[in-house]
Amino acid sequence: MMADKIEAMARSRGAASETEFRAIVAATVDDLLNDGQLDDAPLTLRDLARLQEAFVSGLASLHHTRVAYPAAPARRP
């Protein structure tokens, strides 16, 4: 549930930096906590902090930018 919501938020906002990912993950976890959706989950605050770091790391690797390679020189016949 958390992963789906976080990924959807990152994609819909076009997030591309670690700072943006951290903000999205923190806001999503806060929303879930405030809404009571994690009340019955056996998670500690330490668990949530670890999950947040894992989500940020996953988003950063999923949405990393590609290196622009120079164009190949034209071949001569």
PDB file of N, CA and C in Angstrom:
ATOM      1  N   MET A   1       0.829  -1.186   0.000  1.00  0.00           N
ATOM      2  CA  MET A   1       0.000   0.000   0.000  1.00  0.00           C
ATOM      3  C   MET A   1       0.873   1.248   0.000  1.00  0.00           C
ATOM      4  N   MET A   2       1.869   1.277   0.882  1.00  0.00           N
ATOM      5  CA  MET A   2       2.723   2.454   0.966  1.00  0.00           C
ATOM      6  C   MET A   2       3.535   2.634  -0.317  1.00  0.00           C
ATOM      7  N   ALA A   3       4.093   1.547  -0.810  1.00  0.00           N
ATOM      8  CA  ALA A   3       4.925   1.626  -2.011  1.00  0.00           C
ATOM      9  C   ALA A   3       4.116   2.110  -3.216  1.00  0.00           C
ATOM     10  N   ASP A   4       2.911   1.589  -3.378  1.00  0.00           N
ATOM     11  CA  ASP A   4       2.075   1.999  -4.503  1.00  0.00           C
ATOM     12  C   ASP A   4       1.746   3.485  -4.432  1.00  0.00           C
ATOM     13  N   LYS A   5       1.381   3.936  -3.260  1.00  0.00           N
ATOM     14  CA  LYS A   5       1.011   5.346  -3.098  1.00  0.00           C
ATOM     15  C   LYS A   5       2.220   6.255  -3.323  1.00  0.00           C
ATOM     16  N   ILE A   6       3.363   5.869  -2.789  1.00  0.00           N
ATOM     17  CA  ILE A   6       4.569   6.684  -2.936  1.00  0.00           C
ATOM     18  C   ILE A   6       5.010   6.745  -4.389  1.00  0.00           C
ATOM     19  N   GLU A   7       5.011   5.609  -5.068  1.00  0.00           N
ATOM     20  CA  GLU A   7       5.414   5.601  -6.470  1.00  0.00           C
ATOM     21  C   GLU A   7       4.458   6.434  -7.325  1.00  0.00           C
ATOM     22  N   ALA A   8       3.172   6.313  -7.072  1.00  0.00           N
ATOM     23  CA  ALA A   8       2.184   7.089  -7.834  1.00  0.00           C
ATOM     24  C   ALA A   8       2.386   8.585  -7.618  1.00  0.00           C
ATOM     25  N   MET A   9       2.651   8.975  -6.382  1.00  0.00           N
ATOM     26  CA  MET A   9       2.881  10.394  -6.096  1.00  0.00           C
ATOM     27  C   MET A   9       4.136  10.895  -6.809  1.00  0.00           C
ATOM     28  N   ALA A  10       5.196  10.122  -6.773  1.00  0.00           N
ATOM     29  CA  ALA A  10       6.451  10.530  -7.423  1.00  0.00           C
ATOM     30  C   ALA A  10       6.259  10.671  -8.933  1.00  0.00           C
ATOM     31  N   ARG A  11       5.552   9.731  -9.530  1.00  0.00           N
ATOM     32  CA  ARG A  11       5.323   9.790 -10.979  1.00  0.00           C
ATOM     33  C   ARG A  11       4.409  10.954 -11.351  1.00  0.00           C
ATOM     34  N   SER A  12       3.349  11.157 -10.591  1.00  0.00           N
ATOM     35  CA  SER A  12       2.400  12.212 -10.942  1.00  0.00           C
ATOM     36  C   SER A  12       3.002  13.602 -10.766  1.00  0.00           C
ATOM     37  N   ARG A  13       3.931  13.744  -9.839  1.00  0.00           N
ATOM     38  CA  ARG A  13       4.572  15.050  -9.619  1.00  0.00           C
ATOM     39  C   ARG A  13       5.818  15.237 -10.471  1.00  0.00           C
ATOM     40  N   GLY A  14       6.234  14.206 -11.164  1.00  0.00           N
ATOM     41  CA  GLY A  14       7.425  14.307 -11.995  1.00  0.00           C
ATOM     42  C   GLY A  14       8.697  14.513 -11.183  1.00  0.00           C
ATOM     43  N   ALA A  15       8.714  13.958  -9.986  1.00  0.00           N
ATOM     44  CA  ALA A  15       9.874  14.117  -9.105  1.00  0.00           C
ATOM     45  C   ALA A  15      11.100  13.461  -9.726  1.00  0.00           C
ATOM     46  N   ALA A  16      12.252  14.126  -9.534  1.00  0.00           N
ATOM     47  CA  ALA A  16      13.470  13.586 -10.116  1.00  0.00           C
ATOM     48  C   ALA A  16      14.681  13.696  -9.196  1.00  0.00           C
ATOM     49  N   SER A  17      14.542  14.382  -8.083  1.00  0.00           N
ATOM     50  CA  SER A  17      15.699  14.547  -7.200  1.00  0.00           C
ATOM     51  C   SER A  17      15.449  13.841  -5.866  1.00  0.00           C
ATOM     52  N   GLU A  18      16.539  13.555  -5.182  1.00  0.00           N
ATOM     53  CA  GLU A  18      16.426  12.894  -3.883  1.00  0.00           C
ATOM     54  C   GLU A  18      15.637  13.754  -2.898  1.00  0.00           C
ATOM     55  N   THR A  19      15.806  15.059  -2.971  1.00  0.00           N
ATOM     56  CA  THR A  19      15.075  15.969  -2.086  1.00  0.00           C
ATOM     57  C   THR A  19      13.572  15.848  -2.322  1.00  0.00           C
ATOM     58  N   GLU A  20      13.177  15.794  -3.587  1.00  0.00           N
ATOM     59  CA  GLU A  20      11.757  15.642  -3.914  1.00  0.00           C
ATOM     60  C   GLU A  20      11.238  14.288  -3.447  1.00  0.00           C
ATOM     61  N   PHE A  21      12.038  13.239  -3.637  1.00  0.00           N
ATOM     62  CA  PHE A  21      11.619  11.905  -3.196  1.00  0.00           C
ATOM     63  C   PHE A  21      11.444  11.878  -1.681  1.00  0.00           C
ATOM     64  N   ARG A  22      12.373  12.478  -0.953  1.00  0.00           N
ATOM     65  CA  ARG A  22      12.271  12.511   0.514  1.00  0.00           C
ATOM     66  C   ARG A  22      11.002  13.228   0.960  1.00  0.00           C
ATOM     67  N   ALA A  23      10.688  14.339   0.305  1.00  0.00           N
ATOM     68  CA  ALA A  23       9.486  15.098   0.654  1.00  0.00           C
ATOM     69  C   ALA A  23       8.218  14.293   0.387  1.00  0.00           C
ATOM     70  N   ILE A  24       8.178  13.612  -0.742  1.00  0.00           N
ATOM     71  CA  ILE A  24       7.008  12.802  -1.099  1.00  0.00           C
ATOM     72  C   ILE A  24       6.836  11.640  -0.127  1.00  0.00           C
ATOM     73  N   VAL A  25       7.937  10.954   0.175  1.00  0.00           N
ATOM     74  CA  VAL A  25       7.871   9.804   1.087  1.00  0.00           C
ATOM     75  C   VAL A  25       7.433  10.265   2.480  1.00  0.00           C
ATOM     76  N   ALA A  26       8.025  11.338   2.980  1.00  0.00           N
ATOM     77  CA  ALA A  26       7.672  11.829   4.315  1.00  0.00           C
ATOM     78  C   ALA A  26       6.214  12.262   4.373  1.00  0.00           C
ATOM     79  N   ALA A  27       5.759  12.978   3.360  1.00  0.00           N
ATOM     80  CA  ALA A  27       4.365  13.438   3.340  1.00  0.00           C
ATOM     81  C   ALA A  27       3.397  12.262   3.265  1.00  0.00           C
ATOM     82  N   THR A  28       3.733  11.258   2.486  1.00  0.00           N
ATOM     83  CA  THR A  28       2.865  10.091   2.354  1.00  0.00           C
ATOM     84  C   THR A  28       2.771   9.322   3.668  1.00  0.00           C
ATOM     85  N   VAL A  29       3.912   9.089   4.310  1.00  0.00           N
ATOM     86  CA  VAL A  29       3.901   8.378   5.590  1.00  0.00           C
ATOM     87  C   VAL A  29       3.146   9.186   6.638  1.00  0.00           C
ATOM     88  N   ASP A  30       3.360  10.494   6.668  1.00  0.00           N
ATOM     89  CA  ASP A  30       2.624  11.351   7.612  1.00  0.00           C
ATOM     90  C   ASP A  30       1.115  11.273   7.374  1.00  0.00           C
ATOM     91  N   ASP A  31       0.714  11.311   6.101  1.00  0.00           N
ATOM     92  CA  ASP A  31      -0.715  11.215   5.764  1.00  0.00           C
ATOM     93  C   ASP A  31      -1.304   9.885   6.243  1.00  0.00           C
ATOM     94  N   LEU A  32      -0.578   8.798   6.015  1.00  0.00           N
ATOM     95  CA  LEU A  32      -1.064   7.483   6.441  1.00  0.00           C
ATOM     96  C   LEU A  32      -1.172   7.400   7.966  1.00  0.00           C
ATOM     97  N   LEU A  33      -0.187   7.954   8.658  1.00  0.00           N
ATOM     98  CA  LEU A  33      -0.231   7.962  10.129  1.00  0.00           C
ATOM     99  C   LEU A  33      -1.393   8.802  10.636  1.00  0.00           C
ATOM    100  N   ASN A  34      -1.540  10.005  10.097  1.00  0.00           N
ATOM    101  CA  ASN A  34      -2.601  10.913  10.540  1.00  0.00           C
ATOM    102  C   ASN A  34      -3.994  10.381  10.222  1.00  0.00           C
ATOM    103  N   ASP A  35      -4.090   9.630   9.149  1.00  0.00           N
ATOM    104  CA  ASP A  35      -5.379   9.064   8.740  1.00  0.00           C
ATOM    105  C   ASP A  35      -5.711   7.790   9.517  1.00  0.00           C
ATOM    106  N   GLY A  36      -4.758   7.291  10.301  1.00  0.00           N
ATOM    107  CA  GLY A  36      -5.002   6.101  11.105  1.00  0.00           C
ATOM    108  C   GLY A  36      -4.851   4.793  10.347  1.00  0.00           C
ATOM    109  N   GLN A  37      -4.318   4.856   9.130  1.00  0.00           N
ATOM    110  CA  GLN A  37      -4.209   3.642   8.327  1.00  0.00           C
ATOM    111  C   GLN A  37      -3.103   2.703   8.798  1.00  0.00           C
ATOM    112  N   LEU A  38      -2.217   3.196   9.661  1.00  0.00           N
ATOM    113  CA  LEU A  38      -1.148   2.353  10.172  1.00  0.00           C
ATOM    114  C   LEU A  38      -1.351   1.995  11.645  1.00  0.00           C
ATOM    115  N   ASP A  39      -2.513   2.307  12.173  1.00  0.00           N
ATOM    116  CA  ASP A  39      -2.778   2.074  13.597  1.00  0.00           C
ATOM    117  C   ASP A  39      -2.623   0.607  14.000  1.00  0.00           C
ATOM    118  N   ASP A  40      -3.040  -0.296  13.155  1.00  0.00           N
ATOM    119  CA  ASP A  40      -2.983  -1.718  13.493  1.00  0.00           C
ATOM    120  C   ASP A  40      -1.742  -2.416  12.936  1.00  0.00           C
ATOM    121  N   ALA A  41      -0.885  -1.650  12.267  1.00  0.00           N
ATOM    122  CA  ALA A  41       0.336  -2.239  11.714  1.00  0.00           C
ATOM    123  C   ALA A  41       1.374  -2.390  12.824  1.00  0.00           C
ATOM    124  N   PRO A  42       2.065  -3.519  12.862  1.00  0.00           N
ATOM    125  CA  PRO A  42       3.062  -3.741  13.914  1.00  0.00           C
ATOM    126  C   PRO A  42       4.398  -3.070  13.578  1.00  0.00           C
ATOM    127  N   LEU A  43       4.354  -1.771  13.260  1.00  0.00           N
ATOM    128  CA  LEU A  43       5.555  -1.033  12.882  1.00  0.00           C
ATOM    129  C   LEU A  43       5.939  -0.048  13.976  1.00  0.00           C
ATOM    130  N   THR A  44       7.229   0.021  14.243  1.00  0.00           N
ATOM    131  CA  THR A  44       7.731   1.026  15.183  1.00  0.00           C
ATOM    132  C   THR A  44       8.139   2.259  14.382  1.00  0.00           C
ATOM    133  N   LEU A  45       8.434   3.345  15.084  1.00  0.00           N
ATOM    134  CA  LEU A  45       8.912   4.533  14.392  1.00  0.00           C
ATOM    135  C   LEU A  45      10.253   4.259  13.714  1.00  0.00           C
ATOM    136  N   ARG A  46      11.061   3.411  14.321  1.00  0.00           N
ATOM    137  CA  ARG A  46      12.331   3.025  13.700  1.00  0.00           C
ATOM    138  C   ARG A  46      12.070   2.267  12.397  1.00  0.00           C
ATOM    139  N   ASP A  47      11.085   1.382  12.411  1.00  0.00           N
ATOM    140  CA  ASP A  47      10.714   0.654  11.192  1.00  0.00           C
ATOM    141  C   ASP A  47      10.285   1.627  10.098  1.00  0.00           C
ATOM    142  N   LEU A  48       9.476   2.614  10.468  1.00  0.00           N
ATOM    143  CA  LEU A  48       9.011   3.595   9.489  1.00  0.00           C
ATOM    144  C   LEU A  48      10.170   4.408   8.933  1.00  0.00           C
ATOM    145  N   ALA A  49      11.127   4.757   9.778  1.00  0.00           N
ATOM    146  CA  ALA A  49      12.303   5.506   9.308  1.00  0.00           C
ATOM    147  C   ALA A  49      13.103   4.666   8.324  1.00  0.00           C
ATOM    148  N   ARG A  50      13.261   3.399   8.615  1.00  0.00           N
ATOM    149  CA  ARG A  50      13.989   2.503   7.704  1.00  0.00           C
ATOM    150  C   ARG A  50      13.236   2.334   6.389  1.00  0.00           C
ATOM    151  N   LEU A  51      11.929   2.201   6.490  1.00  0.00           N
ATOM    152  CA  LEU A  51      11.117   2.086   5.276  1.00  0.00           C
ATOM    153  C   LEU A  51      11.241   3.342   4.420  1.00  0.00           C
ATOM    154  N   GLN A  52      11.216   4.488   5.054  1.00  0.00           N
ATOM    155  CA  GLN A  52      11.329   5.737   4.307  1.00  0.00           C
ATOM    156  C   GLN A  52      12.656   5.800   3.549  1.00  0.00           C
ATOM    157  N   GLU A  53      13.742   5.417   4.207  1.00  0.00           N
ATOM    158  CA  GLU A  53      15.043   5.412   3.540  1.00  0.00           C
ATOM    159  C   GLU A  53      15.052   4.434   2.366  1.00  0.00           C
ATOM    160  N   ALA A  54      14.430   3.281   2.557  1.00  0.00           N
ATOM    161  CA  ALA A  54      14.364   2.289   1.483  1.00  0.00           C
ATOM    162  C   ALA A  54      13.548   2.812   0.299  1.00  0.00           C
ATOM    163  N   PHE A  55      12.442   3.491   0.589  1.00  0.00           N
ATOM    164  CA  PHE A  55      11.625   4.046  -0.488  1.00  0.00           C
ATOM    165  C   PHE A  55      12.390   5.124  -1.257  1.00  0.00           C
ATOM    166  N   VAL A  56      13.097   5.993  -0.547  1.00  0.00           N
ATOM    167  CA  VAL A  56      13.874   7.045  -1.204  1.00  0.00           C
ATOM    168  C   VAL A  56      14.953   6.416  -2.079  1.00  0.00           C
ATOM    169  N   SER A  57      15.639   5.427  -1.552  1.00  0.00           N
ATOM    170  CA  SER A  57      16.684   4.745  -2.316  1.00  0.00           C
ATOM    171  C   SER A  57      16.101   4.076  -3.565  1.00  0.00           C
ATOM    172  N   GLY A  58      14.969   3.417  -3.398  1.00  0.00           N
ATOM    173  CA  GLY A  58      14.316   2.755  -4.529  1.00  0.00           C
ATOM    174  C   GLY A  58      13.872   3.738  -5.593  1.00  0.00           C
ATOM    175  N   LEU A  59      13.287   4.850  -5.174  1.00  0.00           N
ATOM    176  CA  LEU A  59      12.854   5.857  -6.142  1.00  0.00           C
ATOM    177  C   LEU A  59      14.044   6.469  -6.866  1.00  0.00           C
ATOM    178  N   ALA A  60      15.114   6.726  -6.131  1.00  0.00           N
ATOM    179  CA  ALA A  60      16.297   7.325  -6.742  1.00  0.00           C
ATOM    180  C   ALA A  60      16.887   6.390  -7.801  1.00  0.00           C
ATOM    181  N   SER A  61      16.910   5.091  -7.524  1.00  0.00           N
ATOM    182  CA  SER A  61      17.464   4.162  -8.509  1.00  0.00           C
ATOM    183  C   SER A  61      16.509   3.945  -9.675  1.00  0.00           C
ATOM    184  N   LEU A  62      15.231   4.021  -9.419  1.00  0.00           N
ATOM    185  CA  LEU A  62      14.235   3.839 -10.473  1.00  0.00           C
ATOM    186  C   LEU A  62      14.182   5.036 -11.417  1.00  0.00           C
ATOM    187  N   HIS A  63      14.360   6.226 -10.872  1.00  0.00           N
ATOM    188  CA  HIS A  63      14.207   7.454 -11.653  1.00  0.00           C
ATOM    189  C   HIS A  63      15.532   8.158 -11.925  1.00  0.00           C
ATOM    190  N   HIS A  64      16.636   7.429 -11.890  1.00  0.00           N
ATOM    191  CA  HIS A  64      17.925   8.077 -12.119  1.00  0.00           C
ATOM    192  C   HIS A  64      18.034   8.577 -13.552  1.00  0.00           C
ATOM    193  N   THR A  65      18.829   9.612 -13.739  1.00  0.00           N
ATOM    194  CA  THR A  65      18.999  10.168 -15.076  1.00  0.00           C
ATOM    195  C   THR A  65      20.082   9.392 -15.816  1.00  0.00           C
ATOM    196  N   ARG A  66      19.940   9.323 -17.080  1.00  0.00           N
ATOM    197  CA  ARG A  66      20.897   8.610 -17.924  1.00  0.00           C
ATOM    198  C   ARG A  66      22.005   9.569 -18.358  1.00  0.00           C
ATOM    199  N   VAL A  67      23.189   9.020 -18.520  1.00  0.00           N
ATOM    200  CA  VAL A  67      24.317   9.792 -19.015  1.00  0.00           C
ATOM    201  C   VAL A  67      24.133  10.004 -20.507  1.00  0.00           C
ATOM    202  N   ALA A  68      24.323  11.230 -20.955  1.00  0.00           N
ATOM    203  CA  ALA A  68      24.208  11.521 -22.386  1.00  0.00           C
ATOM    204  C   ALA A  68      25.529  11.196 -23.060  1.00  0.00           C
ATOM    205  N   TYR A  69      25.512  10.213 -23.925  1.00  0.00           N
ATOM    206  CA  TYR A  69      26.713   9.811 -24.649  1.00  0.00           C
ATOM    207  C   TYR A  69      26.841  10.657 -25.912  1.00  0.00           C
ATOM    208  N   PRO A  70      28.087  10.974 -26.289  1.00  0.00           N
ATOM    209  CA  PRO A  70      28.255  11.747 -27.535  1.00  0.00           C
ATOM    210  C   PRO A  70      27.836  10.903 -28.734  1.00  0.00           C
ATOM    211  N   ALA A  71      27.432  11.574 -29.767  1.00  0.00           N
ATOM    212  CA  ALA A  71      27.013  10.877 -30.985  1.00  0.00           C
ATOM    213  C   ALA A  71      28.209  10.180 -31.611  1.00  0.00           C
ATOM    214  N   ALA A  72      27.968   9.022 -32.169  1.00  0.00           N
ATOM    215  CA  ALA A  72      29.030   8.264 -32.826  1.00  0.00           C
ATOM    216  C   ALA A  72      29.439   8.990 -34.104  1.00  0.00           C
ATOM    217  N   PRO A  73      30.738   9.000 -34.400  1.00  0.00           N
ATOM    218  CA  PRO A  73      31.166   9.653 -35.635  1.00  0.00           C
ATOM    219  C   PRO A  73      30.599   8.917 -36.853  1.00  0.00           C
ATOM    220  N   ALA A  74      30.364   9.657 -37.903  1.00  0.00           N
ATOM    221  CA  ALA A  74      29.820   9.068 -39.133  1.00  0.00           C
ATOM    222  C   ALA A  74      30.847   8.135 -39.746  1.00  0.00           C
ATOM    223  N   ARG A  75      30.383   7.014 -40.242  1.00  0.00           N
ATOM    224  CA  ARG A  75      31.279   6.030 -40.870  1.00  0.00           C
ATOM    225  C   ARG A  75      31.513   6.420 -42.320  1.00  0.00           C
ATOM    226  N   ARG A  76      32.726   6.180 -42.753  1.00  0.00           N
ATOM    227  CA  ARG A  76      33.044   6.470 -44.164  1.00  0.00           C
ATOM    228  C   ARG A  76      32.966   5.166 -44.951  1.00  0.00           C
ATOM    229  N   PRO A  77      32.411   5.250 -46.151  1.00  0.00           N
ATOM    230  CA  PRO A  77      32.300   4.020 -46.968  1.00  0.00           C
ATOM    231  C   PRO A  77      33.610   3.523 -47.484  1.00  0.00           C
TER     232      PRO A  77
END
